[in-house]
């Protein structure tokens, strides 16, 4: 979120100061799940601006830095004098400790992953948690608190963190060393709900309908009476963005679908049918396979692939905009995971990979961007789509990367490799649907590996390609677990791919979770 909500602007809200954690927006997402409005701002936000924004409470996020480093991000220690409830998470706890007179040191061993947290005393932050005094939490830190500042007391511990949860005896200041925002922390959402509702007193009146109303106002203010094109992929994100913008400006919008030769099987026909039959938004289809595939020839580096695809997309959209005449804006279905993994937006977060529609954009563009979903997660976008009345067949589609199959070919992209991958991917999705598993998975897809191996087919030696199958469960794509599919489903997928896809003699299943892996291979 980038601006205070319109209409009921005085309702309670939480301010998050971002110290660069990859999980910062997860905190915002958990708070919004409580129907509480929140915004993320950099830690350089002044005390006067914080007072003017008038939050009900403050959350200090985690981050990749060490508070012991000279150039680490910091905050004015006078923030504790604002009288607002404060919750420091991981780096946020260490920063409060460091700035208020406690001691933080480099840990001998980094505490990373699941840990057993034991609550030592009752506290409003941990009220009404199921399961007793012990629970699994998610740790990710290299420093540790050695001594608390004066006035602080311990609420809970873990094996590696004697100060895993603390609070000030007299002031409304709390800190936790673990990450309550990630799904791996048991009852983590309830902890954040306790902070937002029980401690900050937020009423919980913010909804997706409120978001839609506010987004429509912002779109109209940004666009005015000028024409807009939408880069439509047919996925959930761009489709919801298109419908939201169309609701705001109507016939000023034209959607442009680019067939770049990197699509899934039957993608173009499905998009044309959905938008023609269900949404009634003007749609132009551009056939541009050669324009994308030719410059990708021989390119192996995934970052270069993304940049080529991103630049070519913009070139095509700008040409189509000129053809339509007097067009000034381009709508994209950019989501927050695209942003946080590509560039540091509000805090000093680390770049994981460049997304074609964020870091892959050219420095100079003829069209200004309209990105109404830029700070939402996928499940929130789905909810927006349902509120807008989109059909479930569209709202429930699995995510598909903007660069398409180019980043699922883990080598240079050729038409032959795309054809192999496209057919294998269609088999994976078909069998997942046939087993009634599609809606329970976040993503299910095939990956073309740059590996050939020996096989035996029809009593003859083969030396052919390998396909990896990737199926994951997730809530928000910031973390994900590999899905333990039934063996018979895996067997059917593997058998069909080897039998039906010429050039493949081996299928493997990816059992990596995120982190440490990412969902996509590139």
Protein backbone atom coordinates (compact mmCIF):
# COMPACT_ATOMS: atom_id res chain seq x y z
CA UNK A 1 0.00 0.00 0.00
CA UNK A 2 1.29 3.43 -0.79
CA UNK A 3 -1.37 5.83 0.44
CA UNK A 4 -3.74 6.15 3.32
CA UNK A 5 -7.19 4.72 2.66
CA UNK A 6 -9.82 7.09 1.39
CA UNK A 7 -13.28 7.39 2.84
CA UNK A 8 -12.95 5.99 6.36
CA UNK A 9 -9.41 7.35 6.61
CA UNK A 10 -9.36 7.54 10.40
CA UNK A 11 -9.75 3.82 11.01
CA UNK A 12 -6.97 2.09 12.90
CA UNK A 13 -3.90 1.04 10.96
CA UNK A 14 -0.43 -0.39 11.49
CA UNK A 15 2.85 1.06 10.20
CA UNK A 16 5.63 -1.35 9.26
CA UNK A 17 9.20 -0.07 9.03
CA UNK A 18 11.12 -2.21 6.54
CA UNK A 19 14.72 -3.12 7.34
CA UNK A 20 15.04 -5.26 4.23
CA UNK A 21 13.66 -8.67 5.14
CA UNK A 22 12.37 -10.82 2.29
CA UNK A 23 9.43 -11.42 4.63
CA UNK A 24 8.44 -7.82 5.28
CA UNK A 25 5.44 -7.87 3.01
CA UNK A 26 4.37 -11.10 4.65
CA UNK A 27 3.97 -9.12 7.85
CA UNK A 28 1.71 -6.70 6.00
CA UNK A 29 -0.22 -9.58 4.51
CA UNK A 30 -0.82 -11.15 7.92
CA UNK A 31 -1.99 -7.82 9.31
CA UNK A 32 -4.33 -7.30 6.35
CA UNK A 33 -5.71 -10.79 6.96
CA UNK A 34 -7.02 -9.29 10.19
CA UNK A 35 -8.87 -6.64 8.12
CA UNK A 36 -6.47 -4.04 9.44
CA UNK A 37 -5.01 -1.51 7.00
CA UNK A 38 -1.21 -1.23 6.98
CA UNK A 39 1.60 0.34 5.02
CA UNK A 40 5.30 -0.39 4.65
CA UNK A 41 7.75 2.51 4.85
CA UNK A 42 11.54 2.78 5.05
CA UNK A 43 13.16 3.12 8.49
CA UNK A 44 14.25 6.62 7.47
CA UNK A 45 10.65 7.81 7.91
CA UNK A 46 10.83 10.77 10.27
CA UNK A 47 9.17 10.85 13.66
CA UNK A 48 7.04 13.78 12.52
CA UNK A 49 5.83 11.80 9.51
CA UNK A 50 5.03 8.85 11.76
CA UNK A 51 3.02 11.12 14.05
CA UNK A 52 1.20 12.60 11.07
CA UNK A 53 0.36 9.14 9.70
CA UNK A 54 -1.02 8.38 13.17
CA UNK A 55 -0.76 4.57 13.32
CA UNK A 56 -2.24 2.47 16.07
CA UNK A 57 1.05 0.58 16.32
CA UNK A 58 4.50 0.04 14.80
CA UNK A 59 6.23 -3.13 13.59
CA UNK A 60 9.98 -3.17 12.96
CA UNK A 61 10.74 -5.87 10.39
CA UNK A 62 13.61 -8.28 10.09
CA UNK A 63 16.49 -7.69 7.71
CA UNK A 64 19.69 -9.18 6.26
CA UNK A 65 22.06 -6.74 7.98
CA UNK A 66 23.77 -6.90 11.35
CA UNK A 67 23.10 -4.12 13.84
CA UNK A 68 26.82 -4.32 14.61
CA UNK A 69 27.77 -3.14 11.10
CA UNK A 70 28.59 0.53 10.72
CA UNK A 71 26.29 1.07 7.74
CA UNK A 72 23.38 -1.07 8.94
CA UNK A 73 19.89 0.47 8.70
CA UNK A 74 18.71 2.02 11.93
CA UNK A 75 15.89 3.97 13.50
CA UNK A 76 15.64 7.00 15.76
CA UNK A 77 15.65 5.60 19.33
CA UNK A 78 13.15 8.32 20.23
CA UNK A 79 10.59 6.19 18.39
CA UNK A 80 9.90 4.51 21.73
CA UNK A 81 8.82 7.88 23.14
CA UNK A 82 5.90 8.14 20.73
CA UNK A 83 3.83 6.06 23.12
CA UNK A 84 2.79 3.64 20.37
CA UNK A 85 2.84 -0.13 20.77
CA UNK A 86 5.97 -1.47 19.06
CA UNK A 87 6.78 -5.01 17.95
CA UNK A 88 10.34 -5.75 16.83
CA UNK A 89 10.78 -8.89 14.73
CA UNK A 90 14.25 -10.52 14.45
CA UNK A 91 16.45 -7.61 13.29
CA UNK A 92 13.81 -5.30 14.76
CA UNK A 93 14.31 -6.88 18.19
CA UNK A 94 18.09 -6.69 17.88
CA UNK A 95 17.92 -3.07 16.76
CA UNK A 96 15.73 -2.08 19.73
CA UNK A 97 18.13 -3.91 22.03
CA UNK A 98 21.18 -2.25 20.47
CA UNK A 99 19.74 1.30 20.43
CA UNK A 100 18.24 1.15 23.93
CA UNK A 101 21.37 0.08 25.77
CA UNK A 102 21.40 -3.71 25.54
CA UNK A 103 24.08 -5.90 23.97
CA UNK A 104 23.94 -7.78 20.66
CA UNK A 105 26.74 -10.09 19.52
CA UNK A 106 27.64 -12.28 16.60
CA UNK A 107 26.36 -15.79 17.26
CA UNK A 108 28.78 -18.71 17.07
CA UNK A 109 26.20 -20.65 15.08
CA UNK A 110 23.47 -19.15 12.94
CA UNK A 111 20.00 -20.23 14.06
CA UNK A 112 18.09 -20.96 10.88
CA UNK A 113 14.91 -22.92 10.31
CA UNK A 114 12.46 -24.49 12.71
CA UNK A 115 13.08 -24.15 16.43
CA UNK A 116 11.11 -25.05 19.54
CA UNK A 117 9.89 -21.97 21.37
CA UNK A 118 8.84 -22.16 25.02
CA UNK A 119 6.62 -19.46 26.52
CA UNK A 120 7.73 -18.78 30.09
CA UNK A 121 5.02 -16.35 31.19
CA UNK A 122 1.59 -15.21 30.08
CA UNK A 123 1.38 -12.05 27.99
CA UNK A 124 -1.20 -10.37 25.72
CA UNK A 125 1.06 -10.98 22.70
CA UNK A 126 0.66 -14.74 23.20
CA UNK A 127 -2.95 -14.81 24.38
CA UNK A 128 -5.30 -17.58 23.22
CA UNK A 129 -2.64 -19.60 21.40
CA UNK A 130 -3.49 -23.26 20.88
CA UNK A 131 -1.21 -26.06 21.96
CA UNK A 132 0.14 -25.02 25.33
CA UNK A 133 3.43 -23.30 26.17
CA UNK A 134 5.62 -24.90 23.45
CA UNK A 135 5.39 -24.42 19.69
CA UNK A 136 7.54 -24.57 16.56
CA UNK A 137 8.74 -21.19 15.28
CA UNK A 138 10.87 -20.09 12.32
CA UNK A 139 14.29 -18.60 13.07
CA UNK A 140 16.64 -16.85 10.65
CA UNK A 141 19.40 -14.84 12.32
CA UNK A 142 23.18 -14.68 12.68
CA UNK A 143 23.35 -12.24 15.60
CA UNK A 144 21.85 -12.79 19.02
CA UNK A 145 20.83 -10.70 21.99
CA UNK A 146 23.36 -11.13 24.80
CA UNK A 147 21.87 -8.70 27.33
CA UNK A 148 18.53 -6.89 27.35
CA UNK A 149 18.23 -3.14 27.93
CA UNK A 150 17.03 -1.98 31.33
CA UNK A 151 13.33 -2.46 31.87
CA UNK A 152 12.94 -5.47 29.58
CA UNK A 153 11.91 -8.93 30.69
CA UNK A 154 11.99 -12.36 29.03
CA UNK A 155 8.71 -13.90 27.86
CA UNK A 156 10.02 -16.98 26.08
CA UNK A 157 13.12 -18.86 24.97
CA UNK A 158 14.40 -21.33 22.40
CA UNK A 159 17.47 -23.54 22.52
CA UNK A 160 19.50 -21.03 20.53
CA UNK A 161 17.84 -17.82 21.78
CA UNK A 162 17.55 -17.15 25.53
CA UNK A 163 15.68 -13.96 24.58
CA UNK A 164 13.34 -15.37 21.92
CA UNK A 165 10.47 -13.15 23.12
CA UNK A 166 10.74 -10.09 25.35
CA UNK A 167 8.77 -7.04 26.44
CA UNK A 168 9.31 -3.84 28.39
CA UNK A 169 7.86 -3.86 31.87
CA UNK A 170 6.31 -0.38 31.65
CA UNK A 171 6.24 0.63 27.98
CA UNK A 172 4.24 -1.07 25.18
CA UNK A 173 7.33 -2.54 23.52
CA UNK A 174 7.65 -6.19 22.48
CA UNK A 175 10.25 -8.13 20.54
CA UNK A 176 10.49 -11.64 19.10
CA UNK A 177 13.58 -13.27 17.64
CA UNK A 178 11.53 -15.57 15.41
CA UNK A 179 9.35 -14.72 12.40
CA UNK A 180 5.64 -14.97 13.25
CA UNK A 181 4.72 -13.90 9.71
CA UNK A 182 5.87 -17.11 7.98
CA UNK A 183 3.64 -20.17 7.80
CA UNK A 184 6.30 -22.34 9.49
CA UNK A 185 5.69 -20.56 12.81
CA UNK A 186 2.81 -22.27 14.57
CA UNK A 187 0.09 -19.76 15.53
CA UNK A 188 2.22 -16.94 14.11
CA UNK A 189 -0.82 -15.29 12.58
CA UNK A 190 -2.55 -15.32 15.97
CA UNK A 191 0.48 -13.61 17.53
CA UNK A 192 0.27 -10.79 14.97
CA UNK A 193 -3.51 -10.65 15.43
CA UNK A 194 -2.98 -10.27 19.17
CA UNK A 195 -0.66 -7.34 18.48
CA UNK A 196 -3.01 -5.66 16.00
CA UNK A 197 -6.29 -6.20 17.83
CA UNK A 198 -5.50 -6.90 21.48
CA UNK A 199 -2.52 -4.60 21.97
CA UNK A 200 -3.05 -1.86 19.34
CA UNK A 201 -6.85 -2.00 19.60
CA UNK A 202 -7.48 -2.08 15.84
CA UNK A 203 -11.09 -2.69 14.91
CA UNK A 204 -10.59 -4.67 11.68
CA UNK A 205 -12.69 -2.79 9.12
CA UNK A 206 -10.46 -2.94 6.03
CA UNK A 207 -11.56 -5.37 3.26
CA UNK A 208 -10.76 -6.25 -0.35
CA UNK A 209 -13.78 -4.23 -1.39
CA UNK A 210 -12.19 -1.26 0.35
CA UNK A 211 -8.98 -1.95 -1.57
CA UNK A 212 -10.90 -2.06 -4.86
CA UNK A 213 -12.63 1.24 -4.14
CA UNK A 214 -9.34 2.91 -3.26
CA UNK A 215 -7.52 1.41 -6.27
CA UNK A 216 -10.21 2.67 -8.64
CA UNK A 217 -9.81 6.19 -7.26
CA UNK A 218 -6.02 6.02 -7.66
CA UNK A 219 -6.27 4.69 -11.24
CA UNK A 220 -8.68 7.44 -12.27
CA UNK A 221 -6.46 10.07 -10.66
CA UNK A 222 -3.34 8.71 -12.42
CA UNK A 223 -4.84 8.13 -15.87
CA UNK A 224 -7.38 10.92 -16.25
CA UNK A 225 -9.02 10.78 -19.68
CA UNK A 226 -6.05 9.24 -21.54
CA UNK A 227 -5.93 5.86 -23.29
CA UNK A 228 -4.38 2.81 -21.67
CA UNK A 229 -3.16 -0.58 -22.90
CA UNK A 230 -2.92 -3.64 -20.67
CA UNK A 231 -0.24 -6.25 -21.14
CA UNK A 232 -2.47 -9.28 -20.81
CA UNK A 233 -0.95 -12.72 -20.27
CA UNK A 234 -4.15 -14.58 -19.43
CA UNK A 235 -2.93 -15.36 -15.92
CA UNK A 236 -4.62 -14.31 -12.70
CA UNK A 237 -2.53 -11.19 -12.11
CA UNK A 238 -2.86 -9.43 -15.46
CA UNK A 239 -6.50 -10.49 -15.81
CA UNK A 240 -7.49 -9.05 -12.43
CA UNK A 241 -5.48 -5.90 -13.18
CA UNK A 242 -7.28 -5.56 -16.52
CA UNK A 243 -10.74 -5.95 -15.00
CA UNK A 244 -9.90 -3.54 -12.17
CA UNK A 245 -8.62 -0.88 -14.57
CA UNK A 246 -11.58 -1.46 -16.92
CA UNK A 247 -13.93 -0.91 -13.98
CA UNK A 248 -12.14 2.38 -13.31
CA UNK A 249 -11.87 3.82 -16.86
CA UNK A 250 -14.04 1.65 -19.12
CA UNK A 251 -13.45 2.03 -22.87
CA UNK A 252 -10.21 3.94 -22.36
CA UNK A 253 -8.60 0.50 -21.89
CA UNK A 254 -7.52 -1.94 -24.61
CA UNK A 255 -5.92 -5.27 -23.67
CA UNK A 256 -3.01 -6.56 -25.74
CA UNK A 257 -2.18 -10.26 -25.64
CA UNK A 258 1.23 -11.12 -27.05
CA UNK A 259 1.85 -14.66 -28.27
CA UNK A 260 5.59 -14.77 -27.72
CA UNK A 261 6.10 -18.45 -28.52
CA UNK A 262 6.80 -19.14 -24.83
CA UNK A 263 3.25 -20.01 -23.81
CA UNK A 264 1.73 -23.22 -22.48
CA UNK A 265 -0.21 -25.54 -24.71
CA UNK A 266 -3.47 -23.94 -25.92
CA UNK A 267 -2.79 -20.70 -24.03
CA UNK A 268 -3.65 -18.24 -26.80
CA UNK A 269 -6.95 -19.89 -27.64
CA UNK A 270 -7.97 -20.07 -23.96
CA UNK A 271 -7.23 -16.39 -23.35
CA UNK A 272 -9.18 -15.31 -26.41
CA UNK A 273 -12.14 -17.44 -25.35
CA UNK A 274 -12.17 -16.22 -21.73
CA UNK A 275 -11.92 -12.56 -22.60
CA UNK A 276 -14.27 -12.79 -25.51
CA UNK A 277 -16.98 -14.80 -23.76
CA UNK A 278 -16.76 -13.72 -20.12
CA UNK A 279 -15.17 -10.32 -19.71
CA UNK A 280 -16.11 -8.35 -22.84
CA UNK A 281 -13.00 -6.18 -22.68
CA UNK A 282 -11.47 -5.13 -26.02
CA UNK A 283 -8.63 -7.53 -26.82
CA UNK A 284 -5.94 -7.36 -29.50
CA UNK A 285 -3.77 -10.45 -30.14
CA UNK A 286 -0.25 -9.93 -31.48
CA UNK A 287 1.66 -12.87 -32.98
CA UNK A 288 5.31 -12.17 -32.18
CA UNK A 289 6.98 -15.55 -31.73
CA UNK A 290 9.99 -14.78 -33.91
CA UNK A 291 10.62 -11.42 -32.25
CA UNK A 292 11.09 -13.17 -28.90
CA UNK A 293 12.68 -16.45 -29.90
CA UNK A 294 15.29 -15.09 -32.31
CA UNK A 295 17.13 -12.89 -29.74
CA UNK A 296 16.92 -15.73 -27.18
CA UNK A 297 18.91 -18.05 -29.44
CA UNK A 298 22.05 -19.23 -27.65
CA UNK A 299 21.20 -17.36 -24.40
CA UNK A 300 21.68 -19.48 -21.27
CA UNK A 301 21.92 -16.88 -18.49
CA UNK A 302 18.42 -16.58 -16.96
CA UNK A 303 18.89 -12.91 -16.09
CA UNK A 304 19.72 -12.13 -19.72
CA UNK A 305 16.66 -14.13 -20.82
CA UNK A 306 14.46 -12.02 -18.54
CA UNK A 307 15.92 -8.75 -19.78
CA UNK A 308 15.47 -9.74 -23.44
CA UNK A 309 11.88 -10.79 -22.85
CA UNK A 310 11.06 -7.72 -20.76
CA UNK A 311 12.49 -5.31 -23.33
CA UNK A 312 10.79 -7.08 -26.23
CA UNK A 313 7.43 -7.04 -24.44
CA UNK A 314 7.71 -3.29 -23.98
CA UNK A 315 8.68 -2.77 -27.62
CA UNK A 316 5.62 -4.72 -28.77
CA UNK A 317 3.29 -2.92 -26.37
CA UNK A 318 4.62 0.49 -27.38
CA UNK A 319 4.21 -0.32 -31.08
CA UNK A 320 0.65 -1.46 -30.46
CA UNK A 321 -0.04 1.65 -28.41
CA UNK A 322 1.16 3.85 -31.27
CA UNK A 323 -1.07 1.92 -33.64
CA UNK A 324 -4.06 2.47 -31.37
CA UNK A 325 -3.17 6.16 -31.13
CA UNK A 326 -2.74 8.60 -28.22
CA UNK A 327 -1.94 5.94 -25.64
CA UNK A 328 0.07 6.97 -22.58
CA UNK A 329 -0.15 4.13 -20.06
CA UNK A 330 0.66 0.42 -19.79
CA UNK A 331 -1.14 -1.74 -17.22
CA UNK A 332 0.84 -4.64 -15.75
CA UNK A 333 -0.22 -7.28 -13.27
CA UNK A 334 2.91 -6.88 -11.16
CA UNK A 335 2.65 -8.40 -7.67
CA UNK A 336 4.74 -7.84 -4.58
CA UNK A 337 6.77 -11.08 -4.83
CA UNK A 338 7.90 -9.87 -8.29
CA UNK A 339 9.02 -6.59 -6.76
CA UNK A 340 10.73 -7.83 -3.60
CA UNK A 341 12.72 -10.48 -5.51
CA UNK A 342 13.78 -8.00 -8.20
CA UNK A 343 14.61 -4.71 -6.54
CA UNK A 344 14.76 -3.06 -3.17
CA UNK A 345 11.63 -0.93 -3.07
CA UNK A 346 11.28 0.40 0.45
CA UNK A 347 14.02 -1.19 2.46
CA UNK A 348 17.49 -2.58 1.80
CA UNK A 349 16.23 -6.02 0.78
CA UNK A 350 18.44 -8.33 -1.24
CA UNK A 351 17.80 -8.97 -4.93
CA UNK A 352 16.95 -12.64 -5.57
CA UNK A 353 16.23 -12.51 -9.30
CA UNK A 354 15.11 -9.99 -11.86
CA UNK A 355 11.51 -10.32 -12.99
CA UNK A 356 10.84 -9.44 -16.61
CA UNK A 357 8.19 -6.88 -15.63
CA UNK A 358 10.24 -5.18 -12.89
CA UNK A 359 14.03 -5.24 -13.16
CA UNK A 360 13.77 -6.45 -16.76
CA UNK A 361 12.16 -3.24 -18.01
CA UNK A 362 14.16 -0.83 -20.16
CA UNK A 363 15.35 2.37 -18.49
CA UNK A 364 13.41 4.57 -20.93
CA UNK A 365 9.85 3.75 -21.84
CA UNK A 366 7.28 5.62 -23.89
CA UNK A 367 4.45 4.39 -21.65
CA UNK A 368 3.96 5.14 -17.97
CA UNK A 369 3.15 2.11 -15.83
CA UNK A 370 -0.13 1.45 -14.05
CA UNK A 371 0.35 -1.36 -11.53
CA UNK A 372 -2.71 -1.51 -9.27
CA UNK A 373 -1.76 -4.87 -7.70
CA UNK A 374 1.90 -4.10 -7.08
CA UNK A 375 1.74 -4.63 -3.31
CA UNK A 376 -0.63 -7.58 -3.09
CA UNK A 377 0.06 -11.28 -2.81
CA UNK A 378 -1.41 -13.87 -5.12
CA UNK A 379 -4.13 -15.03 -2.75
CA UNK A 380 -5.18 -11.42 -2.18
CA UNK A 381 -5.35 -10.89 -5.94
CA UNK A 382 -7.55 -13.96 -6.24
CA UNK A 383 -9.87 -12.48 -3.62
CA UNK A 384 -9.98 -9.18 -5.54
CA UNK A 385 -10.84 -11.16 -8.70
CA UNK A 386 -13.71 -12.94 -6.95
CA UNK A 387 -15.07 -9.66 -5.60
CA UNK A 388 -14.89 -8.27 -9.16
CA UNK A 389 -16.87 -11.29 -10.42
CA UNK A 390 -14.21 -13.09 -12.49
CA UNK A 391 -14.95 -16.77 -13.26
CA UNK A 392 -13.32 -19.28 -10.93
CA UNK A 393 -11.63 -21.03 -13.86
CA UNK A 394 -9.57 -17.88 -14.28
CA UNK A 395 -9.18 -16.83 -10.64
CA UNK A 396 -7.99 -20.30 -9.63
CA UNK A 397 -5.28 -20.71 -12.28
CA UNK A 398 -1.80 -21.60 -11.10
CA UNK A 399 0.83 -18.86 -11.38
CA UNK A 400 2.76 -18.81 -14.64
CA UNK A 401 6.01 -16.82 -14.92
CA UNK A 402 5.97 -13.72 -17.10
CA UNK A 403 8.98 -14.93 -19.14
CA UNK A 404 6.98 -18.09 -19.78
CA UNK A 405 8.63 -21.37 -20.67
CA UNK A 406 11.94 -19.60 -21.38
CA UNK A 407 12.92 -19.88 -17.72
CA UNK A 408 11.76 -23.49 -17.52
CA UNK A 409 14.19 -24.46 -20.26
CA UNK A 410 17.36 -24.59 -18.17
CA UNK A 411 19.64 -23.95 -21.12
CA UNK A 412 19.34 -21.96 -24.33
CA UNK A 413 15.81 -21.79 -25.73
CA UNK A 414 15.01 -23.51 -29.02
CA UNK A 415 11.71 -24.30 -30.68
CA UNK A 416 12.40 -28.02 -30.34
CA UNK A 417 13.03 -27.77 -26.59
CA UNK A 418 9.95 -25.60 -26.13
CA UNK A 419 7.83 -28.18 -27.94
CA UNK A 420 9.15 -30.96 -25.68
CA UNK A 421 8.56 -28.92 -22.53
CA UNK A 422 5.14 -27.69 -23.64
CA UNK A 423 3.86 -31.24 -24.15
CA UNK A 424 5.40 -32.54 -20.92
CA UNK A 425 3.93 -29.61 -18.97
CA UNK A 426 0.48 -30.26 -20.42
CA UNK A 427 0.69 -33.88 -19.25
CA UNK A 428 1.66 -32.79 -15.71
CA UNK A 429 -1.26 -30.38 -15.44
CA UNK A 430 -3.72 -32.85 -16.99
CA UNK A 431 -2.83 -35.61 -14.52
CA UNK A 432 -2.86 -33.21 -11.56
CA UNK A 433 -6.36 -32.12 -12.55
CA UNK A 434 -7.48 -35.70 -13.17
CA UNK A 435 -6.36 -36.63 -9.65
CA UNK A 436 -8.33 -33.63 -8.25
CA UNK A 437 -5.11 -32.14 -6.86
CA UNK A 438 -4.95 -28.92 -8.90
CA UNK A 439 -6.77 -26.66 -6.45
CA UNK A 440 -4.73 -27.92 -3.48
CA UNK A 441 -1.40 -27.06 -5.13
CA UNK A 442 0.20 -23.66 -5.62
CA UNK A 443 1.96 -24.70 -8.81
CA UNK A 444 2.53 -27.86 -10.84
CA UNK A 445 4.75 -27.79 -13.92
CA UNK A 446 7.56 -29.40 -15.90
CA UNK A 447 11.14 -28.19 -16.36
CA UNK A 448 13.44 -29.05 -19.28
CA UNK A 449 16.87 -29.98 -17.90
CA UNK A 450 20.18 -29.53 -19.74
CA UNK A 451 20.92 -33.20 -19.07
CA UNK A 452 20.92 -36.25 -21.29
CA UNK A 453 21.11 -39.75 -19.91
CA UNK A 454 21.29 -43.32 -21.11
CA UNK A 455 18.06 -45.29 -21.32
CA UNK A 456 16.61 -48.42 -22.87
CA UNK A 457 13.49 -48.16 -25.01
CA UNK A 458 12.31 -51.01 -27.22
CA UNK A 459 15.47 -52.99 -26.45
CA UNK A 460 17.54 -50.18 -27.89
CA UNK A 461 19.95 -47.82 -26.17
CA UNK A 462 18.76 -44.21 -25.96
CA UNK A 463 20.59 -41.06 -24.97
CA UNK A 464 17.86 -38.46 -24.48
CA UNK A 465 16.60 -35.59 -22.36
CA UNK A 466 15.42 -35.37 -18.75
CA UNK A 467 12.32 -33.60 -17.48
CA UNK A 468 11.89 -32.44 -13.88
CA UNK A 469 8.41 -32.22 -12.38
CA UNK A 470 7.83 -29.50 -9.79
CA UNK A 471 4.71 -29.41 -7.56
CA UNK A 472 4.58 -27.16 -4.51
CA UNK A 473 2.12 -26.05 -1.88
CA UNK A 474 2.21 -22.46 -0.64
CA UNK A 475 0.05 -19.62 0.64
CA UNK A 476 1.92 -16.61 -0.69
CA UNK A 477 4.92 -17.81 -2.78
CA UNK A 478 7.39 -16.31 -0.31
CA UNK A 479 7.78 -19.78 1.20
CA UNK A 480 6.75 -23.11 -0.33
CA UNK A 481 6.91 -26.83 0.44
CA UNK A 482 7.30 -29.57 -2.15
CA UNK A 483 4.10 -31.54 -2.50
CA UNK A 484 4.20 -35.27 -1.62
CA UNK A 485 2.06 -36.46 -4.51
CA UNK A 486 0.58 -39.95 -4.39
CA UNK A 487 2.97 -42.45 -5.93
CA UNK A 488 0.43 -43.57 -8.49
CA UNK A 489 0.05 -40.00 -9.75
CA UNK A 490 3.81 -39.59 -10.07
CA UNK A 491 4.04 -42.93 -11.84
CA UNK A 492 1.36 -41.96 -14.35
CA UNK A 493 3.00 -38.59 -15.03
CA UNK A 494 6.42 -40.15 -15.56
CA UNK A 495 5.11 -42.96 -17.74
CA UNK A 496 3.06 -40.65 -19.94
CA UNK A 497 5.88 -38.16 -20.47
CA UNK A 498 8.38 -40.86 -21.42
CA UNK A 499 5.89 -42.63 -23.69
CA UNK A 500 4.32 -39.60 -25.33
CA UNK A 501 7.05 -36.95 -25.51
CA UNK A 502 9.62 -37.80 -28.13
CA UNK A 503 13.15 -37.07 -26.96
CA UNK A 504 12.61 -37.74 -23.23
CA UNK A 505 13.70 -40.91 -21.47
CA UNK A 506 13.92 -39.79 -17.83
CA UNK A 507 11.60 -37.93 -15.42
CA UNK A 508 12.66 -36.74 -11.94
CA UNK A 509 10.64 -35.15 -9.13
CA UNK A 510 11.87 -32.01 -7.37
CA UNK A 511 11.70 -32.30 -3.56
CA UNK A 512 13.21 -28.90 -2.72
CA UNK A 513 11.34 -26.38 -0.57
CA UNK A 514 11.56 -22.57 -0.62
CA UNK A 515 13.80 -21.57 1.04
CA UNK A 516 16.48 -22.62 0.27
CA UNK A 517 15.35 -23.19 -3.33
CA UNK A 518 12.98 -20.94 -5.28
CA UNK A 519 9.77 -22.25 -6.81
CA UNK A 520 10.97 -21.72 -10.37
CA UNK A 521 14.35 -23.09 -11.36
CA UNK A 522 15.46 -19.81 -12.95
